[in-house]
Amino acid sequence: MVSELRRPKPNPDVANFVAGQTGDDLYVTEVTFAEIVYGIEQLSDPPGERIFDRGWITRFGRCSRGGFSASRRT
């Protein structure tokens, strides 16, 4: 579902399902979250074109039950 939303033309059923949910209703596993963060860091897209930006990472990381830190490690 997450990768579907990244497509230029996501499946309308997936997009409609997600649009009909509240933020509290959608979850991903810690592994999926880590993969998303890694993928975002690898993107060469201009930041304005990204569906999942740093704000999304911060919000989702804060909501994570497992305490996964979304902060970038240097």
N, C-alpha and C. Protein backbone atom coordinates (compact mmCIF):
# COMPACT_ATOMS: atom_id res chain seq x y z
N MET A 1 0.81 -1.18 0.00
CA MET A 1 0.00 0.00 0.00
C MET A 1 0.87 1.26 0.00
N VAL A 2 1.91 1.26 0.80
CA VAL A 2 2.76 2.45 0.90
C VAL A 2 3.42 2.75 -0.44
N SER A 3 3.97 1.74 -1.07
CA SER A 3 4.65 1.98 -2.35
C SER A 3 3.65 2.35 -3.45
N GLU A 4 2.44 1.86 -3.36
CA GLU A 4 1.42 2.20 -4.35
C GLU A 4 1.16 3.71 -4.36
N LEU A 5 1.17 4.32 -3.19
CA LEU A 5 0.91 5.76 -3.10
C LEU A 5 2.04 6.59 -3.68
N ARG A 6 3.19 6.00 -3.86
CA ARG A 6 4.36 6.70 -4.42
C ARG A 6 4.31 6.74 -5.94
N ARG A 7 3.50 5.90 -6.54
CA ARG A 7 3.42 5.83 -8.00
C ARG A 7 2.81 7.11 -8.58
N PRO A 8 3.20 7.45 -9.82
CA PRO A 8 2.62 8.64 -10.45
C PRO A 8 1.09 8.56 -10.56
N LYS A 9 0.57 7.35 -10.83
CA LYS A 9 -0.88 7.15 -10.90
C LYS A 9 -1.24 5.95 -10.01
N PRO A 10 -1.40 6.19 -8.71
CA PRO A 10 -1.72 5.07 -7.82
C PRO A 10 -3.09 4.48 -8.14
N ASN A 11 -3.26 3.23 -7.80
CA ASN A 11 -4.53 2.56 -7.97
C ASN A 11 -5.61 3.37 -7.24
N PRO A 12 -6.70 3.71 -7.93
CA PRO A 12 -7.74 4.53 -7.29
C PRO A 12 -8.34 3.88 -6.04
N ASP A 13 -8.45 2.56 -6.04
CA ASP A 13 -9.01 1.88 -4.86
C ASP A 13 -8.11 2.07 -3.64
N VAL A 14 -6.81 1.97 -3.85
CA VAL A 14 -5.85 2.17 -2.75
C VAL A 14 -5.89 3.62 -2.29
N ALA A 15 -5.85 4.55 -3.22
CA ALA A 15 -5.86 5.97 -2.87
C ALA A 15 -7.14 6.34 -2.12
N ASN A 16 -8.28 5.82 -2.58
CA ASN A 16 -9.55 6.10 -1.90
C ASN A 16 -9.60 5.49 -0.51
N PHE A 17 -9.07 4.28 -0.37
CA PHE A 17 -9.04 3.65 0.95
C PHE A 17 -8.23 4.49 1.93
N VAL A 18 -7.04 4.90 1.52
CA VAL A 18 -6.17 5.68 2.40
C VAL A 18 -6.81 7.04 2.71
N ALA A 19 -7.40 7.66 1.70
CA ALA A 19 -8.03 8.97 1.91
C ALA A 19 -9.17 8.90 2.91
N GLY A 20 -9.81 7.74 3.01
CA GLY A 20 -10.93 7.58 3.92
C GLY A 20 -10.54 7.22 5.34
N GLN A 21 -9.25 7.12 5.62
CA GLN A 21 -8.78 6.74 6.96
C GLN A 21 -8.27 7.97 7.70
N THR A 22 -8.32 7.89 9.02
CA THR A 22 -7.68 8.93 9.82
C THR A 22 -6.24 8.50 10.06
N GLY A 23 -5.40 9.43 10.44
CA GLY A 23 -4.00 9.10 10.71
C GLY A 23 -3.85 8.06 11.80
N ASP A 24 -4.79 8.02 12.73
CA ASP A 24 -4.72 7.05 13.82
C ASP A 24 -5.07 5.64 13.38
N ASP A 25 -5.66 5.50 12.19
CA ASP A 25 -6.08 4.19 11.71
C ASP A 25 -5.03 3.48 10.86
N LEU A 26 -3.98 4.18 10.47
CA LEU A 26 -2.98 3.60 9.58
C LEU A 26 -1.68 3.35 10.33
N TYR A 27 -1.15 2.17 10.19
CA TYR A 27 0.09 1.78 10.85
C TYR A 27 0.99 1.05 9.87
N VAL A 28 2.27 1.10 10.11
CA VAL A 28 3.23 0.25 9.41
C VAL A 28 4.13 -0.36 10.47
N THR A 29 4.75 -1.47 10.13
CA THR A 29 5.68 -2.11 11.05
C THR A 29 6.95 -1.29 11.16
N GLU A 30 7.73 -1.57 12.19
CA GLU A 30 9.02 -0.88 12.36
C GLU A 30 9.93 -1.15 11.17
N VAL A 31 9.90 -2.37 10.66
CA VAL A 31 10.75 -2.72 9.51
C VAL A 31 10.33 -1.91 8.29
N THR A 32 9.04 -1.83 8.04
CA THR A 32 8.54 -1.05 6.91
C THR A 32 8.92 0.41 7.06
N PHE A 33 8.77 0.95 8.27
CA PHE A 33 9.12 2.34 8.53
C PHE A 33 10.60 2.58 8.24
N ALA A 34 11.45 1.68 8.70
CA ALA A 34 12.89 1.82 8.46
C ALA A 34 13.20 1.77 6.96
N GLU A 35 12.50 0.90 6.22
CA GLU A 35 12.71 0.82 4.78
C GLU A 35 12.26 2.11 4.08
N ILE A 36 11.17 2.70 4.55
CA ILE A 36 10.69 3.96 3.97
C ILE A 36 11.71 5.06 4.22
N VAL A 37 12.20 5.16 5.45
CA VAL A 37 13.20 6.17 5.78
C VAL A 37 14.44 5.99 4.90
N TYR A 38 14.90 4.76 4.77
CA TYR A 38 16.07 4.48 3.94
C TYR A 38 15.80 4.90 2.49
N GLY A 39 14.64 4.55 1.98
CA GLY A 39 14.29 4.89 0.61
C GLY A 39 14.23 6.39 0.37
N ILE A 40 13.68 7.12 1.34
CA ILE A 40 13.61 8.58 1.22
C ILE A 40 15.01 9.16 1.14
N GLU A 41 15.89 8.64 1.96
CA GLU A 41 17.27 9.15 1.97
C GLU A 41 17.97 8.89 0.64
N GLN A 42 17.53 7.89 -0.12
CA GLN A 42 18.16 7.55 -1.39
C GLN A 42 17.58 8.32 -2.57
N LEU A 43 16.44 8.99 -2.38
CA LEU A 43 15.78 9.69 -3.48
C LEU A 43 16.60 10.86 -3.99
N SER A 44 16.54 11.06 -5.30
CA SER A 44 17.18 12.23 -5.89
C SER A 44 16.12 13.25 -6.32
N ASP A 45 14.84 12.95 -6.04
CA ASP A 45 13.75 13.86 -6.40
C ASP A 45 13.90 15.19 -5.65
N PRO A 46 13.48 16.27 -6.27
CA PRO A 46 13.42 17.53 -5.51
C PRO A 46 12.47 17.35 -4.33
N PRO A 47 12.78 17.92 -3.18
CA PRO A 47 11.94 17.71 -2.00
C PRO A 47 10.47 18.02 -2.21
N GLY A 48 10.14 18.99 -3.03
CA GLY A 48 8.74 19.33 -3.27
C GLY A 48 7.96 18.25 -3.97
N GLU A 49 8.63 17.33 -4.64
CA GLU A 49 7.97 16.27 -5.38
C GLU A 49 7.82 14.99 -4.56
N ARG A 50 8.32 14.97 -3.37
CA ARG A 50 8.26 13.77 -2.55
C ARG A 50 6.92 13.65 -1.84
N ILE A 51 6.35 12.46 -1.88
CA ILE A 51 5.13 12.22 -1.12
C ILE A 51 5.48 12.09 0.35
N PHE A 52 6.56 11.41 0.64
CA PHE A 52 6.96 11.18 2.02
C PHE A 52 8.17 12.05 2.32
N ASP A 53 7.95 13.16 2.97
CA ASP A 53 9.04 14.07 3.28
C ASP A 53 9.49 13.91 4.73
N ARG A 54 10.41 14.73 5.15
CA ARG A 54 10.92 14.67 6.52
C ARG A 54 9.82 14.91 7.54
N GLY A 55 8.85 15.77 7.21
CA GLY A 55 7.73 16.00 8.12
C GLY A 55 6.95 14.73 8.37
N TRP A 56 6.74 13.96 7.30
CA TRP A 56 6.04 12.69 7.44
C TRP A 56 6.83 11.75 8.33
N ILE A 57 8.13 11.68 8.12
CA ILE A 57 8.97 10.80 8.93
C ILE A 57 8.88 11.20 10.40
N THR A 58 8.94 12.48 10.66
CA THR A 58 8.89 12.96 12.04
C THR A 58 7.56 12.61 12.68
N ARG A 59 6.46 12.88 11.98
CA ARG A 59 5.14 12.57 12.54
C ARG A 59 4.98 11.08 12.76
N PHE A 60 5.35 10.28 11.76
CA PHE A 60 5.16 8.85 11.88
C PHE A 60 6.08 8.26 12.94
N GLY A 61 7.31 8.74 13.01
CA GLY A 61 8.25 8.26 14.02
C GLY A 61 7.78 8.55 15.42
N ARG A 62 7.16 9.70 15.60
CA ARG A 62 6.65 10.08 16.91
C ARG A 62 5.51 9.16 17.32
N CYS A 63 4.74 8.67 16.34
CA CYS A 63 3.59 7.82 16.63
C CYS A 63 3.98 6.35 16.81
N SER A 64 5.19 6.03 16.46
CA SER A 64 5.62 4.63 16.49
C SER A 64 5.59 4.07 17.90
N ARG A 65 4.94 2.95 18.08
CA ARG A 65 4.83 2.32 19.40
C ARG A 65 6.16 1.76 19.87
N GLY A 66 7.00 1.36 18.94
CA GLY A 66 8.26 0.74 19.32
C GLY A 66 9.36 1.73 19.67
N GLY A 67 9.08 3.00 19.58
CA GLY A 67 10.07 4.00 19.94
C GLY A 67 11.15 4.20 18.90
N PHE A 68 10.90 3.83 17.66
CA PHE A 68 11.88 3.98 16.59
C PHE A 68 12.18 5.46 16.39
N SER A 69 13.42 5.81 16.41
CA SER A 69 13.81 7.20 16.22
C SER A 69 13.94 7.49 14.74
N ALA A 70 13.28 8.54 14.30
CA ALA A 70 13.36 8.93 12.90
C ALA A 70 14.51 9.89 12.65
N SER A 71 15.27 10.19 13.67
CA SER A 71 16.36 11.13 13.47
C SER A 71 17.47 10.48 12.66
N ARG A 72 18.07 11.28 11.82
CA ARG A 72 19.13 10.78 10.95
C ARG A 72 20.40 10.58 11.77
N ARG A 73 21.01 9.43 11.58
CA ARG A 73 22.26 9.15 12.28
C ARG A 73 23.42 9.56 11.40
N THR A 74 24.35 10.28 11.99
CA THR A 74 25.51 10.71 11.20
C THR A 74 26.77 10.12 11.78
